[in-house]
């Protein structure tokens, strides 16, 4: 049973790393070419999501994305 739990933990860690790699794969140059604009960096993902939601409501943006850009999460916006 412990081996299954350990394997599951490793699988989750690998999936998280892969998901983070996919999000980070888009370079800023390609992101800006598709209409994404960097706005501001945040220490936590929760703060980034809250700010992105507020920008959708108050500033008329249609989409937001929080991407890890070490050492913070960068909020990207698109009209």
N, C-alpha and C. Protein backbone atom coordinates (compact mmCIF):
# COMPACT_ATOMS: atom_id res chain seq x y z
N UNK A 1 0.82 -1.19 0.00
CA UNK A 1 0.00 0.00 0.00
C UNK A 1 0.87 1.26 0.00
N UNK A 2 1.95 1.22 0.75
CA UNK A 2 2.83 2.39 0.80
C UNK A 2 3.45 2.66 -0.56
N UNK A 3 3.76 1.58 -1.31
CA UNK A 3 4.36 1.77 -2.63
C UNK A 3 3.38 2.46 -3.57
N UNK A 4 2.10 2.10 -3.50
CA UNK A 4 1.10 2.73 -4.35
C UNK A 4 0.99 4.22 -4.01
N UNK A 5 0.98 4.53 -2.72
CA UNK A 5 0.89 5.93 -2.30
C UNK A 5 2.11 6.71 -2.76
N UNK A 6 3.28 6.10 -2.65
CA UNK A 6 4.51 6.77 -3.08
C UNK A 6 4.50 6.99 -4.59
N UNK A 7 4.06 5.98 -5.34
CA UNK A 7 4.00 6.12 -6.79
C UNK A 7 3.00 7.20 -7.19
N UNK A 8 1.88 7.23 -6.50
CA UNK A 8 0.87 8.24 -6.78
C UNK A 8 1.42 9.64 -6.51
N UNK A 9 2.16 9.80 -5.42
CA UNK A 9 2.77 11.09 -5.10
C UNK A 9 3.77 11.52 -6.16
N UNK A 10 4.57 10.58 -6.62
CA UNK A 10 5.55 10.89 -7.67
C UNK A 10 4.82 11.25 -8.96
N UNK A 11 3.75 10.54 -9.27
CA UNK A 11 2.97 10.83 -10.47
C UNK A 11 2.39 12.23 -10.40
N UNK A 12 1.84 12.60 -9.25
CA UNK A 12 1.30 13.95 -9.08
C UNK A 12 2.38 15.01 -9.23
N UNK A 13 3.54 14.76 -8.66
CA UNK A 13 4.64 15.72 -8.76
C UNK A 13 5.08 15.88 -10.21
N UNK A 14 5.14 14.78 -10.94
CA UNK A 14 5.54 14.86 -12.34
C UNK A 14 4.48 15.59 -13.16
N UNK A 15 3.21 15.34 -12.88
CA UNK A 15 2.14 16.02 -13.60
C UNK A 15 2.17 17.51 -13.33
N UNK A 16 2.43 17.90 -12.09
CA UNK A 16 2.53 19.32 -11.74
C UNK A 16 3.69 19.99 -12.45
N UNK A 17 4.80 19.31 -12.51
CA UNK A 17 5.97 19.85 -13.21
C UNK A 17 5.69 20.00 -14.70
N UNK A 18 5.03 19.02 -15.28
CA UNK A 18 4.70 19.08 -16.70
C UNK A 18 3.73 20.22 -16.98
N UNK A 19 2.71 20.38 -16.13
CA UNK A 19 1.74 21.46 -16.32
C UNK A 19 2.42 22.82 -16.21
N UNK A 20 3.32 22.98 -15.25
CA UNK A 20 4.04 24.24 -15.09
C UNK A 20 4.93 24.50 -16.31
N UNK A 21 5.52 23.45 -16.85
CA UNK A 21 6.36 23.60 -18.03
C UNK A 21 5.57 24.03 -19.25
N UNK A 22 4.37 23.52 -19.39
CA UNK A 22 3.52 23.90 -20.52
C UNK A 22 3.13 25.36 -20.40
N UNK A 23 2.76 25.81 -19.20
CA UNK A 23 2.40 27.21 -19.00
C UNK A 23 3.58 28.14 -19.23
N UNK A 24 4.75 27.71 -18.84
CA UNK A 24 5.93 28.55 -18.98
C UNK A 24 6.54 28.47 -20.38
N UNK A 25 6.05 27.55 -21.20
CA UNK A 25 6.65 27.35 -22.52
C UNK A 25 6.45 28.55 -23.45
N UNK A 26 5.34 29.25 -23.28
CA UNK A 26 5.09 30.42 -24.13
C UNK A 26 6.02 31.55 -23.73
N UNK A 27 6.82 31.99 -24.64
CA UNK A 27 7.74 33.08 -24.35
C UNK A 27 6.98 34.40 -24.33
N UNK A 28 7.47 35.39 -23.62
CA UNK A 28 6.79 36.68 -23.60
C UNK A 28 6.62 37.27 -25.00
N UNK A 29 7.57 37.06 -25.89
CA UNK A 29 7.45 37.61 -27.24
C UNK A 29 6.27 37.00 -27.98
N UNK A 30 6.09 35.69 -27.85
CA UNK A 30 4.96 35.06 -28.53
C UNK A 30 3.65 35.42 -27.84
N UNK A 31 3.70 35.64 -26.55
CA UNK A 31 2.49 36.01 -25.82
C UNK A 31 2.02 37.40 -26.24
N UNK A 32 2.93 38.34 -26.36
CA UNK A 32 2.54 39.69 -26.76
C UNK A 32 2.09 39.72 -28.22
N UNK A 33 2.62 38.83 -29.04
CA UNK A 33 2.21 38.77 -30.44
C UNK A 33 0.76 38.31 -30.57
N UNK A 34 0.27 37.55 -29.59
CA UNK A 34 -1.11 37.07 -29.63
C UNK A 34 -2.06 37.96 -28.83
N UNK A 35 -1.59 39.12 -28.41
CA UNK A 35 -2.46 40.08 -27.73
C UNK A 35 -2.37 40.09 -26.22
N UNK A 36 -1.52 39.27 -25.63
CA UNK A 36 -1.36 39.24 -24.17
C UNK A 36 -0.42 40.36 -23.75
N UNK A 37 -0.76 41.03 -22.66
CA UNK A 37 0.04 42.13 -22.14
C UNK A 37 0.40 41.83 -20.69
N UNK A 38 1.71 41.88 -20.34
CA UNK A 38 2.06 41.67 -18.93
C UNK A 38 1.60 42.86 -18.10
N UNK A 39 1.04 42.58 -16.93
CA UNK A 39 0.52 43.66 -16.10
C UNK A 39 1.38 43.87 -14.85
N UNK A 40 1.45 42.86 -13.97
CA UNK A 40 2.16 43.02 -12.71
C UNK A 40 2.48 41.65 -12.12
N UNK A 41 3.53 41.57 -11.30
CA UNK A 41 3.90 40.34 -10.63
C UNK A 41 3.32 40.25 -9.24
N UNK A 42 2.98 39.03 -8.81
CA UNK A 42 2.40 38.78 -7.48
C UNK A 42 3.13 37.63 -6.82
N UNK A 43 3.24 37.69 -5.50
CA UNK A 43 3.96 36.64 -4.77
C UNK A 43 3.21 35.32 -4.74
N UNK A 44 1.88 35.37 -4.69
CA UNK A 44 1.11 34.13 -4.61
C UNK A 44 0.16 34.02 -5.80
N UNK A 45 -0.18 32.80 -6.14
CA UNK A 45 -1.12 32.56 -7.22
C UNK A 45 -2.50 33.11 -6.86
N UNK A 46 -2.88 32.99 -5.61
CA UNK A 46 -4.19 33.49 -5.18
C UNK A 46 -4.31 35.00 -5.38
N UNK A 47 -3.27 35.74 -5.04
CA UNK A 47 -3.29 37.19 -5.25
C UNK A 47 -3.35 37.53 -6.74
N UNK A 48 -2.65 36.76 -7.55
CA UNK A 48 -2.65 36.99 -8.99
C UNK A 48 -4.05 36.75 -9.57
N UNK A 49 -4.69 35.67 -9.16
CA UNK A 49 -6.04 35.35 -9.64
C UNK A 49 -7.03 36.42 -9.20
N UNK A 50 -6.92 36.88 -7.96
CA UNK A 50 -7.82 37.93 -7.46
C UNK A 50 -7.66 39.21 -8.27
N UNK A 51 -6.43 39.59 -8.55
CA UNK A 51 -6.18 40.80 -9.34
C UNK A 51 -6.68 40.62 -10.77
N UNK A 52 -6.49 39.44 -11.35
CA UNK A 52 -6.97 39.18 -12.70
C UNK A 52 -8.48 39.25 -12.78
N UNK A 53 -9.17 38.70 -11.80
CA UNK A 53 -10.63 38.76 -11.76
C UNK A 53 -11.10 40.20 -11.64
N UNK A 54 -10.43 40.98 -10.81
CA UNK A 54 -10.80 42.39 -10.65
C UNK A 54 -10.60 43.16 -11.96
N UNK A 55 -9.52 42.86 -12.68
CA UNK A 55 -9.27 43.53 -13.95
C UNK A 55 -10.34 43.18 -14.99
N UNK A 56 -10.84 41.94 -14.96
CA UNK A 56 -11.90 41.55 -15.88
C UNK A 56 -13.16 42.38 -15.62
N UNK A 57 -13.47 42.56 -14.36
CA UNK A 57 -14.70 43.26 -13.98
C UNK A 57 -14.56 44.77 -14.19
N UNK A 58 -13.45 45.35 -13.76
CA UNK A 58 -13.33 46.81 -13.72
C UNK A 58 -12.71 47.41 -14.97
N UNK A 59 -11.88 46.70 -15.69
CA UNK A 59 -11.13 47.33 -16.78
C UNK A 59 -11.51 46.83 -18.17
N UNK A 60 -12.44 45.93 -18.26
CA UNK A 60 -12.91 45.49 -19.56
C UNK A 60 -12.03 44.49 -20.28
N UNK A 61 -11.11 43.86 -19.59
CA UNK A 61 -10.32 42.81 -20.22
C UNK A 61 -11.17 41.56 -20.36
N UNK A 62 -10.91 40.76 -21.40
CA UNK A 62 -11.70 39.56 -21.64
C UNK A 62 -11.08 38.31 -21.03
N UNK A 63 -9.76 38.31 -20.89
CA UNK A 63 -9.06 37.14 -20.37
C UNK A 63 -7.90 37.57 -19.49
N UNK A 64 -7.56 36.68 -18.56
CA UNK A 64 -6.33 36.87 -17.78
C UNK A 64 -5.68 35.52 -17.58
N UNK A 65 -4.38 35.55 -17.32
CA UNK A 65 -3.63 34.33 -17.07
C UNK A 65 -2.53 34.66 -16.07
N UNK A 66 -2.35 33.79 -15.11
CA UNK A 66 -1.27 33.94 -14.13
C UNK A 66 -0.21 32.90 -14.45
N UNK A 67 0.96 33.35 -14.82
CA UNK A 67 2.05 32.45 -15.20
C UNK A 67 3.22 32.64 -14.25
N UNK A 68 3.84 31.53 -13.87
CA UNK A 68 5.00 31.59 -13.00
C UNK A 68 6.16 32.21 -13.75
N UNK A 69 6.70 33.27 -13.20
CA UNK A 69 7.85 33.95 -13.77
C UNK A 69 8.77 34.25 -12.59
N UNK A 70 9.59 33.28 -12.25
CA UNK A 70 10.38 33.29 -11.02
C UNK A 70 10.96 34.66 -10.72
N UNK A 71 10.76 35.20 -9.59
CA UNK A 71 10.28 34.65 -8.32
C UNK A 71 8.83 35.01 -8.01
N UNK A 72 7.99 35.26 -9.01
CA UNK A 72 6.60 35.65 -8.74
C UNK A 72 5.69 35.17 -9.87
N UNK A 73 4.40 35.33 -9.69
CA UNK A 73 3.41 35.04 -10.72
C UNK A 73 3.12 36.32 -11.49
N UNK A 74 3.29 36.27 -12.80
CA UNK A 74 3.01 37.44 -13.64
C UNK A 74 1.57 37.36 -14.13
N UNK A 75 0.84 38.47 -13.95
CA UNK A 75 -0.52 38.56 -14.45
C UNK A 75 -0.48 39.07 -15.88
N UNK A 76 -1.01 38.28 -16.81
CA UNK A 76 -1.10 38.65 -18.21
C UNK A 76 -2.56 38.93 -18.52
N UNK A 77 -2.82 39.97 -19.30
CA UNK A 77 -4.18 40.38 -19.64
C UNK A 77 -4.34 40.44 -21.16
N UNK A 78 -5.57 40.18 -21.62
CA UNK A 78 -5.85 40.28 -23.05
C UNK A 78 -7.24 40.89 -23.24
N UNK A 79 -7.31 41.89 -24.12
CA UNK A 79 -8.59 42.57 -24.39
C UNK A 79 -9.40 41.83 -25.40
